[in-house]
Amino acid sequence: MHYHGLSEQSPRKVFVLTTTETSIPRRHKVHSKHPGGEYRFAVTLYQFVQVKPERFFGTQKVWVDETRLSITDAERAVLDGLSKPQYCGDFTEVLHAFEARGEALDLKRIIGYALKPDAATAKRPGWVLEQQGVASVRLQRLAELSVKDYRGGF
């Protein structure tokens, strides 16, 4: 969210989504309280988060200095924030990100992401967007989901 200007917090840790087990040299490993552990390279702390291949979507290629990276787009970042707010500050920070993105948020994209099979919580973006004044008719696809359709997590 910091990359997209959706957070004023400077990240102390970079979360890296991967579909495979991480294989980072042990000498860089800081500790392993999280699956995959945390690793320090230079001054940056990285935590690898393994996801199912079908959950690896919503990415874009960007240049950061002289390195080309694949990062989540803004819509995927805020959606991930709704399912795992601890990875981006807290729930208040996620709500701030929705407000910061405002009208630039691609509503069709975020609804499509929320409705993907095995998607993270599909009801939460509807609630947040409705609180921001998005017309209920535009959120109809999310509203039609029953509670039994709830899916959580990455």
N, C-alpha and C. Protein backbone atom coordinates (compact mmCIF):
# COMPACT_ATOMS: atom_id res chain seq x y z
N MET A 1 0.83 -1.19 0.00
CA MET A 1 0.00 0.00 0.00
C MET A 1 0.88 1.25 0.00
N HIS A 2 2.05 1.16 0.61
CA HIS A 2 2.94 2.32 0.64
C HIS A 2 3.39 2.69 -0.78
N TYR A 3 3.70 1.71 -1.59
CA TYR A 3 4.13 1.98 -2.96
C TYR A 3 3.08 2.77 -3.73
N HIS A 4 1.81 2.45 -3.53
CA HIS A 4 0.70 3.09 -4.25
C HIS A 4 0.26 4.41 -3.61
N GLY A 5 0.95 4.85 -2.56
CA GLY A 5 0.59 6.09 -1.89
C GLY A 5 -0.67 5.98 -1.06
N LEU A 6 -1.00 4.78 -0.62
CA LEU A 6 -2.22 4.54 0.14
C LEU A 6 -1.97 4.51 1.64
N SER A 7 -0.73 4.66 2.03
CA SER A 7 -0.38 4.63 3.43
C SER A 7 0.72 5.66 3.68
N GLU A 8 0.61 6.35 4.78
CA GLU A 8 1.65 7.30 5.16
C GLU A 8 2.72 6.63 6.00
N GLN A 9 2.44 5.40 6.42
CA GLN A 9 3.41 4.65 7.22
C GLN A 9 4.51 4.12 6.30
N SER A 10 5.74 4.28 6.73
CA SER A 10 6.85 3.67 6.01
C SER A 10 6.96 2.22 6.47
N PRO A 11 6.98 1.31 5.53
CA PRO A 11 7.00 -0.10 5.94
C PRO A 11 8.31 -0.48 6.62
N ARG A 12 8.20 -1.21 7.71
CA ARG A 12 9.39 -1.74 8.38
C ARG A 12 9.71 -3.12 7.85
N LYS A 13 8.74 -3.69 7.16
CA LYS A 13 8.90 -5.05 6.66
C LYS A 13 8.22 -5.13 5.30
N VAL A 14 8.82 -5.87 4.39
CA VAL A 14 8.23 -6.10 3.08
C VAL A 14 7.69 -7.53 3.05
N PHE A 15 6.42 -7.68 2.69
CA PHE A 15 5.82 -9.00 2.58
C PHE A 15 5.90 -9.44 1.13
N VAL A 16 6.39 -10.64 0.92
CA VAL A 16 6.59 -11.17 -0.42
C VAL A 16 5.68 -12.37 -0.61
N LEU A 17 4.74 -12.26 -1.56
CA LEU A 17 3.87 -13.40 -1.88
C LEU A 17 4.63 -14.35 -2.78
N THR A 18 4.53 -15.62 -2.50
CA THR A 18 5.16 -16.64 -3.32
C THR A 18 4.25 -17.86 -3.37
N THR A 19 4.32 -18.59 -4.47
CA THR A 19 3.52 -19.82 -4.58
C THR A 19 4.33 -21.05 -4.22
N THR A 20 5.59 -20.86 -3.89
CA THR A 20 6.47 -21.98 -3.55
C THR A 20 7.08 -21.78 -2.18
N GLU A 21 7.68 -22.84 -1.67
CA GLU A 21 8.44 -22.73 -0.42
C GLU A 21 9.60 -21.77 -0.66
N THR A 22 9.93 -20.99 0.33
CA THR A 22 11.06 -20.08 0.18
C THR A 22 12.36 -20.83 0.42
N SER A 23 13.36 -20.48 -0.32
CA SER A 23 14.67 -21.08 -0.11
C SER A 23 15.71 -19.96 -0.07
N ILE A 24 15.81 -19.37 1.10
CA ILE A 24 16.72 -18.25 1.33
C ILE A 24 17.87 -18.79 2.17
N PRO A 25 19.08 -18.42 1.87
CA PRO A 25 20.22 -18.91 2.67
C PRO A 25 20.00 -18.66 4.16
N ARG A 26 20.31 -19.65 4.97
CA ARG A 26 20.09 -19.57 6.42
C ARG A 26 20.82 -18.39 7.06
N ARG A 27 21.95 -17.99 6.54
CA ARG A 27 22.70 -16.93 7.19
C ARG A 27 21.95 -15.60 7.17
N HIS A 28 20.94 -15.45 6.31
CA HIS A 28 20.15 -14.23 6.25
C HIS A 28 18.88 -14.31 7.12
N LYS A 29 18.59 -15.51 7.61
CA LYS A 29 17.35 -15.70 8.36
C LYS A 29 17.44 -15.01 9.72
N VAL A 30 16.43 -14.20 10.03
CA VAL A 30 16.39 -13.48 11.30
C VAL A 30 15.75 -14.37 12.36
N HIS A 31 14.56 -14.84 12.11
CA HIS A 31 13.87 -15.78 12.99
C HIS A 31 12.73 -16.40 12.21
N SER A 32 12.08 -17.37 12.81
CA SER A 32 11.03 -18.05 12.06
C SER A 32 9.75 -18.19 12.87
N LYS A 33 9.29 -17.10 13.47
CA LYS A 33 8.01 -17.16 14.18
C LYS A 33 6.86 -17.25 13.19
N HIS A 34 7.12 -16.86 11.94
CA HIS A 34 6.12 -16.95 10.88
C HIS A 34 6.54 -18.06 9.92
N PRO A 35 5.55 -18.74 9.28
CA PRO A 35 5.92 -19.72 8.26
C PRO A 35 6.80 -19.06 7.22
N GLY A 36 7.89 -19.70 6.88
CA GLY A 36 8.80 -19.13 5.90
C GLY A 36 9.85 -18.24 6.55
N GLY A 37 9.55 -17.71 7.74
CA GLY A 37 10.51 -16.90 8.46
C GLY A 37 10.66 -15.50 7.94
N GLU A 38 11.48 -14.75 8.63
CA GLU A 38 11.79 -13.39 8.23
C GLU A 38 13.27 -13.35 7.87
N TYR A 39 13.59 -12.57 6.86
CA TYR A 39 14.94 -12.52 6.35
C TYR A 39 15.36 -11.07 6.17
N ARG A 40 16.60 -10.80 6.53
CA ARG A 40 17.12 -9.44 6.37
C ARG A 40 18.15 -9.45 5.24
N PHE A 41 17.95 -8.52 4.30
CA PHE A 41 18.91 -8.27 3.25
C PHE A 41 19.24 -6.79 3.34
N ALA A 42 20.50 -6.49 3.57
CA ALA A 42 20.93 -5.11 3.81
C ALA A 42 20.13 -4.60 5.00
N VAL A 43 19.36 -3.52 4.85
CA VAL A 43 18.62 -2.95 5.98
C VAL A 43 17.14 -3.31 5.94
N THR A 44 16.71 -4.08 4.95
CA THR A 44 15.29 -4.37 4.78
C THR A 44 14.95 -5.76 5.30
N LEU A 45 13.85 -5.84 6.05
CA LEU A 45 13.35 -7.10 6.57
C LEU A 45 12.25 -7.60 5.64
N TYR A 46 12.33 -8.85 5.22
CA TYR A 46 11.35 -9.45 4.31
C TYR A 46 10.69 -10.63 5.00
N GLN A 47 9.39 -10.76 4.79
CA GLN A 47 8.68 -11.95 5.25
C GLN A 47 7.99 -12.56 4.05
N PHE A 48 8.26 -13.84 3.81
CA PHE A 48 7.66 -14.54 2.69
C PHE A 48 6.35 -15.17 3.13
N VAL A 49 5.31 -14.97 2.32
CA VAL A 49 3.97 -15.48 2.60
C VAL A 49 3.59 -16.40 1.45
N GLN A 50 3.46 -17.69 1.74
CA GLN A 50 3.11 -18.64 0.68
C GLN A 50 1.61 -18.63 0.44
N VAL A 51 1.23 -18.53 -0.84
CA VAL A 51 -0.17 -18.55 -1.24
C VAL A 51 -0.38 -19.64 -2.28
N LYS A 52 -1.61 -20.07 -2.41
CA LYS A 52 -1.95 -21.03 -3.46
C LYS A 52 -1.80 -20.35 -4.82
N PRO A 53 -1.42 -21.09 -5.84
CA PRO A 53 -1.25 -20.48 -7.17
C PRO A 53 -2.48 -19.69 -7.64
N GLU A 54 -3.68 -20.17 -7.33
CA GLU A 54 -4.89 -19.46 -7.75
C GLU A 54 -5.09 -18.15 -7.01
N ARG A 55 -4.35 -17.93 -5.92
CA ARG A 55 -4.42 -16.68 -5.17
C ARG A 55 -3.35 -15.68 -5.61
N PHE A 56 -2.53 -16.06 -6.60
CA PHE A 56 -1.47 -15.18 -7.07
C PHE A 56 -1.99 -14.45 -8.31
N PHE A 57 -2.64 -13.32 -8.06
CA PHE A 57 -3.22 -12.52 -9.14
C PHE A 57 -3.18 -11.06 -8.73
N GLY A 58 -3.52 -10.18 -9.66
CA GLY A 58 -3.59 -8.76 -9.33
C GLY A 58 -2.22 -8.13 -9.18
N THR A 59 -1.27 -8.58 -9.99
CA THR A 59 0.08 -8.02 -9.90
C THR A 59 0.37 -7.16 -11.13
N GLN A 60 1.36 -6.31 -10.98
CA GLN A 60 1.81 -5.48 -12.09
C GLN A 60 3.33 -5.37 -12.00
N LYS A 61 3.96 -5.16 -13.13
CA LYS A 61 5.42 -4.99 -13.18
C LYS A 61 5.75 -3.51 -13.00
N VAL A 62 6.69 -3.21 -12.11
CA VAL A 62 7.10 -1.84 -11.86
C VAL A 62 8.63 -1.79 -11.73
N TRP A 63 9.16 -0.60 -11.91
CA TRP A 63 10.58 -0.37 -11.67
C TRP A 63 10.75 0.31 -10.33
N VAL A 64 11.61 -0.22 -9.49
CA VAL A 64 12.01 0.41 -8.24
C VAL A 64 13.52 0.58 -8.34
N ASP A 65 13.92 1.82 -8.49
CA ASP A 65 15.32 2.13 -8.79
C ASP A 65 15.69 1.40 -10.08
N GLU A 66 16.67 0.51 -10.01
CA GLU A 66 17.10 -0.20 -11.22
C GLU A 66 16.62 -1.64 -11.24
N THR A 67 15.62 -1.95 -10.44
CA THR A 67 15.12 -3.31 -10.34
C THR A 67 13.68 -3.39 -10.80
N ARG A 68 13.38 -4.35 -11.67
CA ARG A 68 12.00 -4.57 -12.11
C ARG A 68 11.37 -5.61 -11.20
N LEU A 69 10.25 -5.23 -10.60
CA LEU A 69 9.57 -6.09 -9.64
C LEU A 69 8.13 -6.31 -10.05
N SER A 70 7.56 -7.35 -9.53
CA SER A 70 6.14 -7.61 -9.67
C SER A 70 5.50 -7.34 -8.31
N ILE A 71 4.57 -6.38 -8.26
CA ILE A 71 3.90 -6.06 -7.00
C ILE A 71 2.39 -6.14 -7.23
N THR A 72 1.65 -6.20 -6.14
CA THR A 72 0.20 -6.20 -6.28
C THR A 72 -0.26 -4.81 -6.70
N ASP A 73 -1.32 -4.77 -7.50
CA ASP A 73 -1.89 -3.48 -7.86
C ASP A 73 -2.64 -2.93 -6.64
N ALA A 74 -3.07 -1.69 -6.72
CA ALA A 74 -3.69 -1.03 -5.56
C ALA A 74 -4.94 -1.76 -5.08
N GLU A 75 -5.74 -2.25 -6.02
CA GLU A 75 -6.98 -2.94 -5.63
C GLU A 75 -6.68 -4.23 -4.88
N ARG A 76 -5.70 -4.97 -5.35
CA ARG A 76 -5.33 -6.21 -4.66
C ARG A 76 -4.73 -5.88 -3.29
N ALA A 77 -3.96 -4.81 -3.21
CA ALA A 77 -3.34 -4.43 -1.94
C ALA A 77 -4.40 -4.12 -0.88
N VAL A 78 -5.43 -3.34 -1.24
CA VAL A 78 -6.45 -3.00 -0.24
C VAL A 78 -7.30 -4.22 0.09
N LEU A 79 -7.54 -5.08 -0.89
CA LEU A 79 -8.30 -6.30 -0.62
C LEU A 79 -7.53 -7.22 0.33
N ASP A 80 -6.22 -7.37 0.10
CA ASP A 80 -5.40 -8.15 1.02
C ASP A 80 -5.41 -7.53 2.41
N GLY A 81 -5.43 -6.21 2.46
CA GLY A 81 -5.48 -5.53 3.74
C GLY A 81 -6.74 -5.86 4.52
N LEU A 82 -7.84 -6.07 3.81
CA LEU A 82 -9.09 -6.44 4.49
C LEU A 82 -9.03 -7.85 5.07
N SER A 83 -8.29 -8.74 4.42
CA SER A 83 -8.24 -10.11 4.94
C SER A 83 -7.10 -10.30 5.94
N LYS A 84 -6.04 -9.50 5.81
CA LYS A 84 -4.89 -9.62 6.72
C LYS A 84 -4.40 -8.23 7.14
N PRO A 85 -5.20 -7.50 7.92
CA PRO A 85 -4.82 -6.12 8.27
C PRO A 85 -3.49 -6.04 9.03
N GLN A 86 -3.08 -7.12 9.70
CA GLN A 86 -1.83 -7.08 10.45
C GLN A 86 -0.62 -6.93 9.51
N TYR A 87 -0.78 -7.20 8.22
CA TYR A 87 0.32 -7.05 7.27
C TYR A 87 0.45 -5.61 6.78
N CYS A 88 -0.48 -4.76 7.11
CA CYS A 88 -0.41 -3.38 6.61
C CYS A 88 -0.74 -2.35 7.68
N GLY A 89 -0.37 -2.62 8.87
CA GLY A 89 -0.60 -1.67 9.96
C GLY A 89 -1.71 -2.15 10.86
N ASP A 90 -2.92 -1.96 10.44
CA ASP A 90 -4.10 -2.45 11.14
C ASP A 90 -5.32 -2.11 10.29
N PHE A 91 -6.51 -2.43 10.79
CA PHE A 91 -7.74 -2.21 10.02
C PHE A 91 -7.95 -0.72 9.73
N THR A 92 -7.57 0.14 10.69
CA THR A 92 -7.71 1.58 10.48
C THR A 92 -6.87 2.03 9.29
N GLU A 93 -5.68 1.49 9.17
CA GLU A 93 -4.80 1.83 8.05
C GLU A 93 -5.40 1.36 6.72
N VAL A 94 -6.07 0.22 6.74
CA VAL A 94 -6.72 -0.29 5.52
C VAL A 94 -7.88 0.63 5.13
N LEU A 95 -8.67 1.07 6.09
CA LEU A 95 -9.76 2.00 5.80
C LEU A 95 -9.21 3.31 5.24
N HIS A 96 -8.09 3.76 5.80
CA HIS A 96 -7.44 4.96 5.27
C HIS A 96 -7.02 4.76 3.82
N ALA A 97 -6.53 3.57 3.49
CA ALA A 97 -6.11 3.27 2.12
C ALA A 97 -7.29 3.36 1.15
N PHE A 98 -8.44 2.84 1.54
CA PHE A 98 -9.64 2.96 0.69
C PHE A 98 -9.98 4.43 0.47
N GLU A 99 -9.91 5.22 1.53
CA GLU A 99 -10.22 6.65 1.41
C GLU A 99 -9.19 7.36 0.55
N ALA A 100 -7.92 7.01 0.73
CA ALA A 100 -6.86 7.65 -0.04
C ALA A 100 -7.00 7.36 -1.53
N ARG A 101 -7.40 6.15 -1.87
CA ARG A 101 -7.57 5.78 -3.27
C ARG A 101 -8.82 6.42 -3.85
N GLY A 102 -9.85 6.53 -3.01
CA GLY A 102 -11.08 7.22 -3.39
C GLY A 102 -11.64 6.81 -4.74
N GLU A 103 -11.95 7.78 -5.56
CA GLU A 103 -12.57 7.55 -6.87
C GLU A 103 -11.64 6.83 -7.84
N ALA A 104 -10.33 6.85 -7.55
CA ALA A 104 -9.39 6.17 -8.45
C ALA A 104 -9.43 4.65 -8.28
N LEU A 105 -10.10 4.18 -7.23
CA LEU A 105 -10.24 2.74 -7.01
C LEU A 105 -11.06 2.15 -8.14
N ASP A 106 -10.53 1.13 -8.78
CA ASP A 106 -11.23 0.46 -9.87
C ASP A 106 -12.25 -0.50 -9.26
N LEU A 107 -13.49 -0.02 -9.17
CA LEU A 107 -14.55 -0.77 -8.50
C LEU A 107 -14.79 -2.13 -9.16
N LYS A 108 -14.82 -2.16 -10.47
CA LYS A 108 -15.04 -3.42 -11.18
C LYS A 108 -13.92 -4.42 -10.87
N ARG A 109 -12.69 -3.93 -10.82
CA ARG A 109 -11.55 -4.82 -10.55
C ARG A 109 -11.61 -5.38 -9.13
N ILE A 110 -11.88 -4.51 -8.14
CA ILE A 110 -11.87 -5.00 -6.76
C ILE A 110 -13.02 -5.97 -6.52
N ILE A 111 -14.16 -5.74 -7.14
CA ILE A 111 -15.28 -6.69 -7.00
C ILE A 111 -14.92 -8.00 -7.67
N GLY A 112 -14.32 -7.94 -8.85
CA GLY A 112 -13.87 -9.15 -9.52
C GLY A 112 -12.88 -9.94 -8.69
N TYR A 113 -11.93 -9.25 -8.08
CA TYR A 113 -10.97 -9.93 -7.21
C TYR A 113 -11.67 -10.57 -6.02
N ALA A 114 -12.60 -9.85 -5.41
CA ALA A 114 -13.28 -10.36 -4.22
C ALA A 114 -14.12 -11.60 -4.54
N LEU A 115 -14.58 -11.71 -5.78
CA LEU A 115 -15.44 -12.83 -6.16
C LEU A 115 -14.66 -14.03 -6.71
N LYS A 116 -13.35 -13.92 -6.83
CA LYS A 116 -12.55 -15.03 -7.35
C LYS A 116 -12.71 -16.25 -6.46
N PRO A 117 -12.62 -17.44 -7.05
CA PRO A 117 -12.66 -18.65 -6.22
C PRO A 117 -11.56 -18.59 -5.17
N ASP A 118 -11.89 -19.01 -3.98
CA ASP A 118 -10.96 -19.01 -2.86
C ASP A 118 -10.47 -17.60 -2.54
N ALA A 119 -11.28 -16.61 -2.86
CA ALA A 119 -10.88 -15.22 -2.59
C ALA A 119 -10.99 -14.91 -1.11
N ALA A 120 -10.24 -13.92 -0.70
CA ALA A 120 -10.36 -13.44 0.67
C ALA A 120 -11.73 -12.81 0.83
N THR A 121 -12.13 -12.61 2.04
CA THR A 121 -13.44 -12.11 2.40
C THR A 121 -14.09 -11.22 1.34
N ALA A 122 -15.19 -11.68 0.81
CA ALA A 122 -15.87 -10.96 -0.27
C ALA A 122 -16.86 -9.92 0.25
N LYS A 123 -17.31 -10.06 1.47
CA LYS A 123 -18.29 -9.10 2.01
C LYS A 123 -17.64 -7.81 2.50
N ARG A 124 -16.42 -7.90 3.00
CA ARG A 124 -15.78 -6.72 3.59
C ARG A 124 -15.61 -5.55 2.63
N PRO A 125 -15.13 -5.78 1.39
CA PRO A 125 -14.99 -4.60 0.52
C PRO A 125 -16.33 -3.94 0.25
N GLY A 126 -17.40 -4.73 0.17
CA GLY A 126 -18.72 -4.15 -0.04
C GLY A 126 -19.12 -3.24 1.11
N TRP A 127 -18.87 -3.70 2.33
CA TRP A 127 -19.20 -2.89 3.50
C TRP A 127 -18.39 -1.59 3.50
N VAL A 128 -17.07 -1.70 3.26
CA VAL A 128 -16.20 -0.51 3.27
C VAL A 128 -16.63 0.46 2.19
N LEU A 129 -16.86 -0.04 0.98
CA LEU A 129 -17.24 0.83 -0.13
C LEU A 129 -18.59 1.49 0.11
N GLU A 130 -19.51 0.74 0.71
CA GLU A 130 -20.82 1.31 1.03
C GLU A 130 -20.67 2.44 2.05
N GLN A 131 -19.78 2.26 3.05
CA GLN A 131 -19.52 3.30 4.05
C GLN A 131 -18.93 4.55 3.41
N GLN A 132 -18.25 4.38 2.29
CA GLN A 132 -17.65 5.51 1.58
C GLN A 132 -18.61 6.16 0.60
N GLY A 133 -19.83 5.66 0.56
CA GLY A 133 -20.84 6.31 -0.26
C GLY A 133 -21.04 5.71 -1.65
N VAL A 134 -20.42 4.56 -1.93
CA VAL A 134 -20.65 3.91 -3.22
C VAL A 134 -22.08 3.38 -3.21
N ALA A 135 -22.81 3.65 -4.26
CA ALA A 135 -24.21 3.25 -4.36
C ALA A 135 -24.36 1.73 -4.23
N SER A 136 -25.34 1.30 -3.46
CA SER A 136 -25.58 -0.12 -3.24
C SER A 136 -25.77 -0.89 -4.54
N VAL A 137 -26.38 -0.26 -5.52
CA VAL A 137 -26.62 -0.94 -6.79
C VAL A 137 -25.30 -1.33 -7.46
N ARG A 138 -24.25 -0.54 -7.25
CA ARG A 138 -22.94 -0.85 -7.83
C ARG A 138 -22.25 -1.99 -7.10
N LEU A 139 -22.73 -2.31 -5.89
CA LEU A 139 -22.15 -3.37 -5.08
C LEU A 139 -23.02 -4.62 -5.05
N GLN A 140 -23.98 -4.68 -5.94
CA GLN A 140 -24.97 -5.75 -5.95
C GLN A 140 -24.35 -7.15 -5.97
N ARG A 141 -23.31 -7.37 -6.77
CA ARG A 141 -22.70 -8.70 -6.87
C ARG A 141 -22.16 -9.16 -5.52
N LEU A 142 -21.60 -8.24 -4.74
CA LEU A 142 -21.10 -8.60 -3.41
C LEU A 142 -22.26 -8.81 -2.44
N ALA A 143 -23.28 -7.98 -2.55
CA ALA A 143 -24.43 -8.08 -1.65
C ALA A 143 -25.17 -9.39 -1.83
N GLU A 144 -25.14 -9.95 -3.03
CA GLU A 144 -25.87 -11.19 -3.31
C GLU A 144 -25.22 -12.42 -2.69
N LEU A 145 -23.98 -12.31 -2.25
CA LEU A 145 -23.32 -13.45 -1.62
C LEU A 145 -23.97 -13.73 -0.28
N SER A 146 -24.21 -14.99 0.00
CA SER A 146 -24.76 -15.33 1.31
C SER A 146 -23.60 -15.50 2.28
N VAL A 147 -23.91 -15.46 3.56
CA VAL A 147 -22.88 -15.60 4.59
C VAL A 147 -22.16 -16.92 4.46
N LYS A 148 -22.83 -17.96 3.99
CA LYS A 148 -22.17 -19.26 3.85
C LYS A 148 -21.08 -19.22 2.78
N ASP A 149 -21.08 -18.19 1.93
CA ASP A 149 -20.04 -18.05 0.91
C ASP A 149 -18.77 -17.42 1.46
N TYR A 150 -18.76 -17.09 2.75
CA TYR A 150 -17.61 -16.43 3.34
C TYR A 150 -16.36 -17.29 3.18
N ARG A 151 -15.28 -16.63 2.75
CA ARG A 151 -13.99 -17.29 2.65
C ARG A 151 -12.97 -16.35 3.23
N GLY A 152 -12.11 -16.84 4.07
CA GLY A 152 -11.14 -15.95 4.69
C GLY A 152 -9.72 -16.33 4.38
N GLY A 153 -8.82 -15.40 4.58
CA GLY A 153 -7.38 -15.64 4.48
C GLY A 153 -6.82 -15.47 3.09
N PHE A 154 -5.49 -15.56 3.02
CA PHE A 154 -4.79 -15.48 1.75
C PHE A 154 -5.06 -16.75 1.02
